[in-house]
Amino acid sequence: MYQLEVKRWLVQYFFPPSKGWKVCVDVDAMERAKGGKHPPDKADKARIAEDALVDMSVTIGINRDYRRADIVAKHPEKGRFIIEVEGDSSKQKEQAMYSALGQLLLMMDGKKHTYILAVPDDEKWETVVRRVPAYAMTALNLSCVLVSEHV
């Protein structure tokens, strides 16, 4: 599952604007399969995922406060969630996870937000995210979420 597809399903099932969530999703050119080398199906799948996000009334763009965070979801009762998303790509899964964790750490501002690393619901991704120590996740208010197109 590509990164933009993970974003789509995560928002649809966990942060739907129809349930009061205000969601901003950052989408870069590589996610849209522009520039570089990409599998032949990626551009079509990315377009479908981005169209679904727009149809849900998600804001596509850079978040004012958290800049290039992949997803910022805010709810009047449930708070703010800062989310980094990884998907299948040519990067090694471990390197992708390290990069996402570093990005999340740099966004932590001392406020009581929830931070999430979201990856495809896949056995290999699950193995990688299980390496994050539980005590670190608790201390950082961090969760790792496996995402699929099915709830």
N, C-alpha and C. Protein backbone atom coordinates (compact mmCIF):
# COMPACT_ATOMS: atom_id res chain seq x y z
N MET A 1 0.86 -1.17 0.00
CA MET A 1 0.00 0.00 0.00
C MET A 1 0.91 1.24 0.00
N TYR A 2 0.64 2.14 -0.93
CA TYR A 2 1.44 3.36 -1.04
C TYR A 2 1.06 4.37 0.04
N GLN A 3 1.96 5.32 0.27
CA GLN A 3 1.79 6.29 1.36
C GLN A 3 0.47 7.04 1.28
N LEU A 4 0.10 7.49 0.10
CA LEU A 4 -1.14 8.26 -0.03
C LEU A 4 -2.36 7.39 0.25
N GLU A 5 -2.27 6.11 -0.06
CA GLU A 5 -3.37 5.20 0.26
C GLU A 5 -3.48 5.00 1.77
N VAL A 6 -2.35 4.91 2.46
CA VAL A 6 -2.38 4.79 3.92
C VAL A 6 -3.05 6.03 4.51
N LYS A 7 -2.69 7.20 4.01
CA LYS A 7 -3.30 8.44 4.50
C LYS A 7 -4.82 8.42 4.30
N ARG A 8 -5.24 7.98 3.12
CA ARG A 8 -6.67 7.96 2.82
C ARG A 8 -7.43 7.08 3.81
N TRP A 9 -6.98 5.84 4.00
CA TRP A 9 -7.72 4.91 4.86
C TRP A 9 -7.63 5.32 6.32
N LEU A 10 -6.49 5.86 6.74
CA LEU A 10 -6.36 6.32 8.12
C LEU A 10 -7.37 7.43 8.41
N VAL A 11 -7.45 8.41 7.52
CA VAL A 11 -8.42 9.50 7.72
C VAL A 11 -9.85 8.97 7.66
N GLN A 12 -10.13 8.13 6.70
CA GLN A 12 -11.49 7.63 6.53
C GLN A 12 -11.99 6.89 7.76
N TYR A 13 -11.13 6.07 8.36
CA TYR A 13 -11.58 5.24 9.48
C TYR A 13 -11.35 5.83 10.86
N PHE A 14 -10.33 6.69 11.01
CA PHE A 14 -10.00 7.19 12.35
C PHE A 14 -10.26 8.67 12.55
N PHE A 15 -10.20 9.47 11.48
CA PHE A 15 -10.32 10.92 11.61
C PHE A 15 -11.28 11.51 10.57
N PRO A 16 -12.46 10.95 10.41
CA PRO A 16 -13.35 11.44 9.35
C PRO A 16 -13.89 12.85 9.64
N PRO A 17 -13.72 13.77 8.70
CA PRO A 17 -14.26 15.11 8.90
C PRO A 17 -15.76 15.11 9.17
N SER A 18 -16.48 14.12 8.68
CA SER A 18 -17.92 14.03 8.94
C SER A 18 -18.24 13.81 10.41
N LYS A 19 -17.24 13.43 11.21
CA LYS A 19 -17.41 13.22 12.65
C LYS A 19 -16.76 14.34 13.46
N GLY A 20 -16.56 15.50 12.84
CA GLY A 20 -16.05 16.66 13.57
C GLY A 20 -14.55 16.87 13.51
N TRP A 21 -13.83 16.03 12.78
CA TRP A 21 -12.38 16.19 12.67
C TRP A 21 -12.05 17.24 11.62
N LYS A 22 -11.10 18.10 11.93
CA LYS A 22 -10.52 19.03 10.96
C LYS A 22 -9.16 18.43 10.60
N VAL A 23 -9.00 18.07 9.33
CA VAL A 23 -7.82 17.31 8.92
C VAL A 23 -7.08 18.03 7.80
N CYS A 24 -5.76 18.11 7.96
CA CYS A 24 -4.87 18.65 6.94
C CYS A 24 -3.89 17.54 6.56
N VAL A 25 -3.79 17.26 5.26
CA VAL A 25 -2.91 16.22 4.76
C VAL A 25 -1.92 16.83 3.79
N ASP A 26 -0.64 16.61 4.06
CA ASP A 26 0.41 17.07 3.16
C ASP A 26 0.66 15.98 2.12
N VAL A 27 0.70 16.36 0.86
CA VAL A 27 0.95 15.41 -0.23
C VAL A 27 2.08 15.98 -1.08
N ASP A 28 3.16 15.21 -1.22
CA ASP A 28 4.26 15.71 -2.05
C ASP A 28 4.26 15.03 -3.42
N ALA A 29 5.11 15.52 -4.29
CA ALA A 29 5.15 15.03 -5.67
C ALA A 29 5.46 13.54 -5.76
N MET A 30 6.34 13.05 -4.93
CA MET A 30 6.69 11.63 -4.98
C MET A 30 5.49 10.75 -4.65
N GLU A 31 4.65 11.20 -3.75
CA GLU A 31 3.44 10.44 -3.42
C GLU A 31 2.49 10.37 -4.61
N ARG A 32 2.54 11.39 -5.43
CA ARG A 32 1.68 11.43 -6.63
C ARG A 32 2.35 10.74 -7.82
N ALA A 33 3.52 10.15 -7.60
CA ALA A 33 4.30 9.46 -8.65
C ALA A 33 4.81 10.44 -9.70
N LYS A 34 5.19 11.63 -9.26
CA LYS A 34 5.78 12.62 -10.16
C LYS A 34 7.25 12.74 -9.83
N GLY A 35 8.09 12.59 -10.83
CA GLY A 35 9.53 12.64 -10.63
C GLY A 35 10.04 11.30 -10.12
N GLY A 36 11.21 10.92 -10.53
CA GLY A 36 11.77 9.64 -10.09
C GLY A 36 11.11 8.47 -10.79
N LYS A 37 11.44 7.27 -10.34
CA LYS A 37 10.87 6.05 -10.90
C LYS A 37 9.81 5.51 -9.96
N HIS A 38 8.69 5.09 -10.52
CA HIS A 38 7.58 4.58 -9.73
C HIS A 38 6.96 3.37 -10.41
N PRO A 39 6.37 2.49 -9.62
CA PRO A 39 5.64 1.37 -10.23
C PRO A 39 4.51 1.89 -11.12
N PRO A 40 4.16 1.14 -12.16
CA PRO A 40 3.16 1.63 -13.12
C PRO A 40 1.79 1.95 -12.52
N ASP A 41 1.40 1.29 -11.43
CA ASP A 41 0.07 1.51 -10.86
C ASP A 41 0.02 2.64 -9.83
N LYS A 42 1.16 3.19 -9.45
CA LYS A 42 1.20 4.14 -8.34
C LYS A 42 0.43 5.43 -8.63
N ALA A 43 0.60 6.01 -9.80
CA ALA A 43 -0.07 7.29 -10.10
C ALA A 43 -1.58 7.15 -10.03
N ASP A 44 -2.11 6.06 -10.59
CA ASP A 44 -3.57 5.86 -10.55
C ASP A 44 -4.07 5.67 -9.12
N LYS A 45 -3.37 4.85 -8.35
CA LYS A 45 -3.78 4.61 -6.96
C LYS A 45 -3.67 5.89 -6.14
N ALA A 46 -2.63 6.68 -6.39
CA ALA A 46 -2.46 7.94 -5.67
C ALA A 46 -3.58 8.91 -6.00
N ARG A 47 -3.96 8.98 -7.26
CA ARG A 47 -5.03 9.89 -7.69
C ARG A 47 -6.36 9.49 -7.03
N ILE A 48 -6.64 8.20 -6.99
CA ILE A 48 -7.87 7.72 -6.35
C ILE A 48 -7.88 8.08 -4.86
N ALA A 49 -6.73 7.86 -4.20
CA ALA A 49 -6.64 8.16 -2.77
C ALA A 49 -6.78 9.65 -2.50
N GLU A 50 -6.12 10.48 -3.29
CA GLU A 50 -6.21 11.93 -3.08
C GLU A 50 -7.63 12.43 -3.36
N ASP A 51 -8.25 11.91 -4.42
CA ASP A 51 -9.64 12.30 -4.71
C ASP A 51 -10.56 11.93 -3.55
N ALA A 52 -10.34 10.77 -2.95
CA ALA A 52 -11.16 10.34 -1.80
C ALA A 52 -10.97 11.30 -0.62
N LEU A 53 -9.73 11.74 -0.38
CA LEU A 53 -9.48 12.70 0.70
C LEU A 53 -10.20 14.02 0.44
N VAL A 54 -10.13 14.50 -0.79
CA VAL A 54 -10.81 15.75 -1.15
C VAL A 54 -12.32 15.58 -0.97
N ASP A 55 -12.85 14.44 -1.39
CA ASP A 55 -14.29 14.19 -1.24
C ASP A 55 -14.72 14.16 0.23
N MET A 56 -13.79 13.82 1.13
CA MET A 56 -14.09 13.81 2.57
C MET A 56 -13.96 15.20 3.19
N SER A 57 -13.62 16.21 2.39
CA SER A 57 -13.42 17.59 2.86
C SER A 57 -12.14 17.77 3.67
N VAL A 58 -11.12 17.01 3.33
CA VAL A 58 -9.81 17.15 3.94
C VAL A 58 -9.08 18.31 3.25
N THR A 59 -8.33 19.09 4.02
CA THR A 59 -7.50 20.14 3.44
C THR A 59 -6.21 19.49 2.95
N ILE A 60 -5.88 19.68 1.68
CA ILE A 60 -4.63 19.18 1.13
C ILE A 60 -3.65 20.34 1.11
N GLY A 61 -2.52 20.18 1.81
CA GLY A 61 -1.52 21.24 1.84
C GLY A 61 -0.68 21.16 3.09
N ILE A 62 0.13 22.17 3.27
CA ILE A 62 1.05 22.24 4.40
C ILE A 62 0.32 22.84 5.59
N ASN A 63 0.43 22.19 6.75
CA ASN A 63 -0.22 22.68 7.96
C ASN A 63 0.52 23.92 8.48
N ARG A 64 -0.23 24.91 8.86
CA ARG A 64 0.34 26.18 9.34
C ARG A 64 1.26 25.99 10.54
N ASP A 65 0.87 25.14 11.49
CA ASP A 65 1.64 24.98 12.71
C ASP A 65 2.68 23.86 12.64
N TYR A 66 2.38 22.81 11.92
CA TYR A 66 3.26 21.63 11.92
C TYR A 66 3.86 21.36 10.54
N ARG A 67 3.86 22.36 9.72
CA ARG A 67 4.49 22.37 8.41
C ARG A 67 4.30 21.08 7.62
N ARG A 68 5.33 20.29 7.51
CA ARG A 68 5.28 19.13 6.62
C ARG A 68 4.85 17.85 7.33
N ALA A 69 4.13 17.96 8.41
CA ALA A 69 3.55 16.76 9.03
C ALA A 69 2.64 16.11 7.99
N ASP A 70 2.68 14.80 7.89
CA ASP A 70 1.86 14.13 6.89
C ASP A 70 0.37 14.36 7.12
N ILE A 71 -0.05 14.24 8.36
CA ILE A 71 -1.45 14.49 8.71
C ILE A 71 -1.50 15.21 10.05
N VAL A 72 -2.32 16.24 10.12
CA VAL A 72 -2.64 16.87 11.39
C VAL A 72 -4.16 16.80 11.50
N ALA A 73 -4.63 16.12 12.53
CA ALA A 73 -6.07 15.94 12.74
C ALA A 73 -6.44 16.55 14.09
N LYS A 74 -7.46 17.38 14.08
CA LYS A 74 -7.87 18.08 15.31
C LYS A 74 -9.37 17.89 15.51
N HIS A 75 -9.72 17.59 16.76
CA HIS A 75 -11.12 17.40 17.12
C HIS A 75 -11.39 18.20 18.38
N PRO A 76 -12.54 18.87 18.48
CA PRO A 76 -12.81 19.71 19.65
C PRO A 76 -12.81 18.95 20.98
N GLU A 77 -13.12 17.67 20.96
CA GLU A 77 -13.15 16.89 22.20
C GLU A 77 -11.98 15.92 22.34
N LYS A 78 -11.45 15.45 21.23
CA LYS A 78 -10.42 14.41 21.27
C LYS A 78 -9.01 14.94 21.14
N GLY A 79 -8.85 16.21 20.83
CA GLY A 79 -7.53 16.81 20.78
C GLY A 79 -6.89 16.80 19.41
N ARG A 80 -5.57 16.99 19.42
CA ARG A 80 -4.81 17.10 18.18
C ARG A 80 -3.89 15.90 18.03
N PHE A 81 -3.84 15.37 16.82
CA PHE A 81 -3.01 14.22 16.49
C PHE A 81 -2.05 14.64 15.37
N ILE A 82 -0.77 14.39 15.58
CA ILE A 82 0.25 14.67 14.59
C ILE A 82 0.74 13.31 14.08
N ILE A 83 0.64 13.11 12.77
CA ILE A 83 0.85 11.77 12.22
C ILE A 83 1.87 11.79 11.10
N GLU A 84 2.81 10.87 11.19
CA GLU A 84 3.73 10.61 10.09
C GLU A 84 3.33 9.28 9.49
N VAL A 85 3.33 9.23 8.17
CA VAL A 85 2.84 8.06 7.44
C VAL A 85 3.95 7.52 6.54
N GLU A 86 4.10 6.23 6.55
CA GLU A 86 4.99 5.56 5.62
C GLU A 86 4.18 4.57 4.81
N GLY A 87 4.65 4.29 3.62
CA GLY A 87 4.00 3.32 2.76
C GLY A 87 5.06 2.54 2.02
N ASP A 88 4.62 1.63 1.20
CA ASP A 88 5.57 0.83 0.44
C ASP A 88 6.28 1.71 -0.58
N SER A 89 7.59 1.56 -0.61
CA SER A 89 8.43 2.33 -1.54
C SER A 89 9.73 1.58 -1.73
N SER A 90 10.67 2.21 -2.42
CA SER A 90 11.97 1.58 -2.63
C SER A 90 12.85 1.68 -1.38
N LYS A 91 12.46 2.51 -0.41
CA LYS A 91 13.23 2.62 0.84
C LYS A 91 13.09 1.35 1.66
N GLN A 92 14.14 1.03 2.40
CA GLN A 92 14.03 -0.07 3.36
C GLN A 92 13.05 0.35 4.44
N LYS A 93 12.25 -0.57 4.90
CA LYS A 93 11.24 -0.26 5.91
C LYS A 93 11.86 0.31 7.18
N GLU A 94 12.98 -0.25 7.60
CA GLU A 94 13.64 0.26 8.82
C GLU A 94 14.04 1.72 8.64
N GLN A 95 14.62 2.07 7.49
CA GLN A 95 15.04 3.44 7.24
C GLN A 95 13.84 4.38 7.17
N ALA A 96 12.76 3.92 6.57
CA ALA A 96 11.54 4.74 6.51
C ALA A 96 11.01 5.00 7.91
N MET A 97 11.03 3.97 8.77
CA MET A 97 10.54 4.14 10.15
C MET A 97 11.44 5.11 10.92
N TYR A 98 12.75 4.97 10.78
CA TYR A 98 13.67 5.88 11.48
C TYR A 98 13.43 7.32 11.05
N SER A 99 13.23 7.52 9.76
CA SER A 99 12.98 8.86 9.25
C SER A 99 11.68 9.43 9.82
N ALA A 100 10.62 8.63 9.81
CA ALA A 100 9.33 9.09 10.34
C ALA A 100 9.42 9.40 11.82
N LEU A 101 10.10 8.56 12.58
CA LEU A 101 10.25 8.81 14.02
C LEU A 101 11.03 10.10 14.26
N GLY A 102 12.07 10.33 13.47
CA GLY A 102 12.84 11.57 13.59
C GLY A 102 11.99 12.79 13.29
N GLN A 103 11.16 12.70 12.26
CA GLN A 103 10.28 13.81 11.92
C GLN A 103 9.30 14.09 13.05
N LEU A 104 8.74 13.03 13.63
CA LEU A 104 7.81 13.22 14.75
C LEU A 104 8.50 13.86 15.94
N LEU A 105 9.70 13.40 16.27
CA LEU A 105 10.44 14.00 17.39
C LEU A 105 10.67 15.49 17.19
N LEU A 106 11.00 15.88 15.98
CA LEU A 106 11.26 17.29 15.71
C LEU A 106 10.00 18.15 15.77
N MET A 107 8.83 17.53 15.65
CA MET A 107 7.57 18.28 15.74
C MET A 107 7.04 18.38 17.16
N MET A 108 7.59 17.60 18.07
CA MET A 108 7.08 17.61 19.45
C MET A 108 7.42 18.95 20.09
N ASP A 109 6.38 19.62 20.57
CA ASP A 109 6.54 20.98 21.07
C ASP A 109 6.16 21.14 22.54
N GLY A 110 6.05 20.03 23.25
CA GLY A 110 5.72 20.10 24.67
C GLY A 110 4.24 20.19 24.95
N LYS A 111 3.44 20.32 23.92
CA LYS A 111 1.99 20.35 24.12
C LYS A 111 1.47 18.93 24.19
N LYS A 112 0.32 18.75 24.81
CA LYS A 112 -0.24 17.42 25.03
C LYS A 112 -1.00 16.95 23.78
N HIS A 113 -0.24 16.61 22.75
CA HIS A 113 -0.82 16.06 21.54
C HIS A 113 -0.53 14.57 21.50
N THR A 114 -1.22 13.87 20.63
CA THR A 114 -0.94 12.47 20.40
C THR A 114 -0.18 12.36 19.08
N TYR A 115 0.88 11.58 19.10
CA TYR A 115 1.72 11.39 17.93
C TYR A 115 1.55 9.96 17.44
N ILE A 116 1.46 9.83 16.12
CA ILE A 116 1.22 8.51 15.54
C ILE A 116 2.16 8.27 14.37
N LEU A 117 2.68 7.07 14.31
CA LEU A 117 3.37 6.57 13.13
C LEU A 117 2.43 5.57 12.49
N ALA A 118 1.99 5.83 11.26
CA ALA A 118 1.04 4.96 10.56
C ALA A 118 1.74 4.30 9.38
N VAL A 119 1.56 2.99 9.27
CA VAL A 119 2.18 2.20 8.21
C VAL A 119 1.15 1.20 7.67
N PRO A 120 1.42 0.61 6.52
CA PRO A 120 0.48 -0.40 5.99
C PRO A 120 0.37 -1.59 6.93
N ASP A 121 -0.82 -2.17 6.97
CA ASP A 121 -1.08 -3.37 7.76
C ASP A 121 -0.50 -4.56 7.01
N ASP A 122 0.75 -4.81 7.30
CA ASP A 122 1.51 -5.82 6.59
C ASP A 122 2.48 -6.43 7.60
N GLU A 123 2.72 -7.70 7.48
CA GLU A 123 3.57 -8.42 8.44
C GLU A 123 4.97 -7.80 8.55
N LYS A 124 5.54 -7.40 7.44
CA LYS A 124 6.90 -6.82 7.48
C LYS A 124 6.91 -5.47 8.18
N TRP A 125 5.88 -4.64 7.91
CA TRP A 125 5.80 -3.36 8.61
C TRP A 125 5.55 -3.58 10.10
N GLU A 126 4.71 -4.53 10.43
CA GLU A 126 4.43 -4.81 11.84
C GLU A 126 5.70 -5.20 12.58
N THR A 127 6.53 -6.01 11.97
CA THR A 127 7.80 -6.41 12.58
C THR A 127 8.67 -5.19 12.85
N VAL A 128 8.71 -4.26 11.92
CA VAL A 128 9.54 -3.07 12.06
C VAL A 128 9.03 -2.17 13.19
N VAL A 129 7.73 -1.88 13.22
CA VAL A 129 7.22 -0.95 14.24
C VAL A 129 7.22 -1.57 15.64
N ARG A 130 7.20 -2.89 15.74
CA ARG A 130 7.25 -3.52 17.06
C ARG A 130 8.61 -3.31 17.74
N ARG A 131 9.59 -2.84 16.99
CA ARG A 131 10.92 -2.58 17.56
C ARG A 131 10.96 -1.30 18.40
N VAL A 132 9.95 -0.46 18.27
CA VAL A 132 9.92 0.77 19.06
C VAL A 132 9.58 0.37 20.50
N PRO A 133 10.46 0.68 21.45
CA PRO A 133 10.23 0.26 22.83
C PRO A 133 8.95 0.87 23.43
N ALA A 134 8.24 0.06 24.18
CA ALA A 134 6.98 0.51 24.79
C ALA A 134 7.20 1.71 25.71
N TYR A 135 8.29 1.72 26.46
CA TYR A 135 8.52 2.85 27.38
C TYR A 135 8.72 4.15 26.60
N ALA A 136 9.35 4.08 25.43
CA ALA A 136 9.54 5.28 24.61
C ALA A 136 8.19 5.76 24.06
N MET A 137 7.37 4.81 23.64
CA MET A 137 6.06 5.19 23.12
C MET A 137 5.23 5.87 24.21
N THR A 138 5.28 5.35 25.42
CA THR A 138 4.53 5.95 26.52
C THR A 138 5.07 7.35 26.84
N ALA A 139 6.37 7.48 26.93
CA ALA A 139 6.99 8.76 27.28
C ALA A 139 6.70 9.84 26.24
N LEU A 140 6.59 9.44 24.98
CA LEU A 140 6.39 10.41 23.89
C LEU A 140 4.93 10.56 23.47
N ASN A 141 4.04 9.83 24.13
CA ASN A 141 2.62 9.83 23.75
C ASN A 141 2.48 9.45 22.27
N LEU A 142 3.21 8.39 21.92
CA LEU A 142 3.31 7.91 20.54
C LEU A 142 2.61 6.57 20.40
N SER A 143 1.91 6.41 19.28
CA SER A 143 1.31 5.13 18.93
C SER A 143 1.77 4.76 17.54
N CYS A 144 1.85 3.47 17.29
CA CYS A 144 2.11 2.97 15.95
C CYS A 144 0.84 2.27 15.49
N VAL A 145 0.38 2.60 14.29
CA VAL A 145 -0.88 2.10 13.79
C VAL A 145 -0.66 1.39 12.46
N LEU A 146 -1.22 0.20 12.35
CA LEU A 146 -1.22 -0.54 11.10
C LEU A 146 -2.53 -0.22 10.38
N VAL A 147 -2.44 0.20 9.11
CA VAL A 147 -3.61 0.68 8.38
C VAL A 147 -3.88 -0.21 7.16
N SER A 148 -5.15 -0.52 6.97
CA SER A 148 -5.57 -1.23 5.77
C SER A 148 -6.83 -0.57 5.24
N GLU A 149 -7.27 -1.03 4.09
CA GLU A 149 -8.49 -0.46 3.54
C GLU A 149 -9.74 -1.04 4.20
N HIS A 150 -9.55 -2.00 5.08
CA HIS A 150 -10.65 -2.60 5.83
C HIS A 150 -10.49 -2.25 7.31
N VAL A 151 -11.56 -1.94 7.98
CA VAL A 151 -11.48 -1.58 9.41
C VAL A 151 -10.93 -2.74 10.21
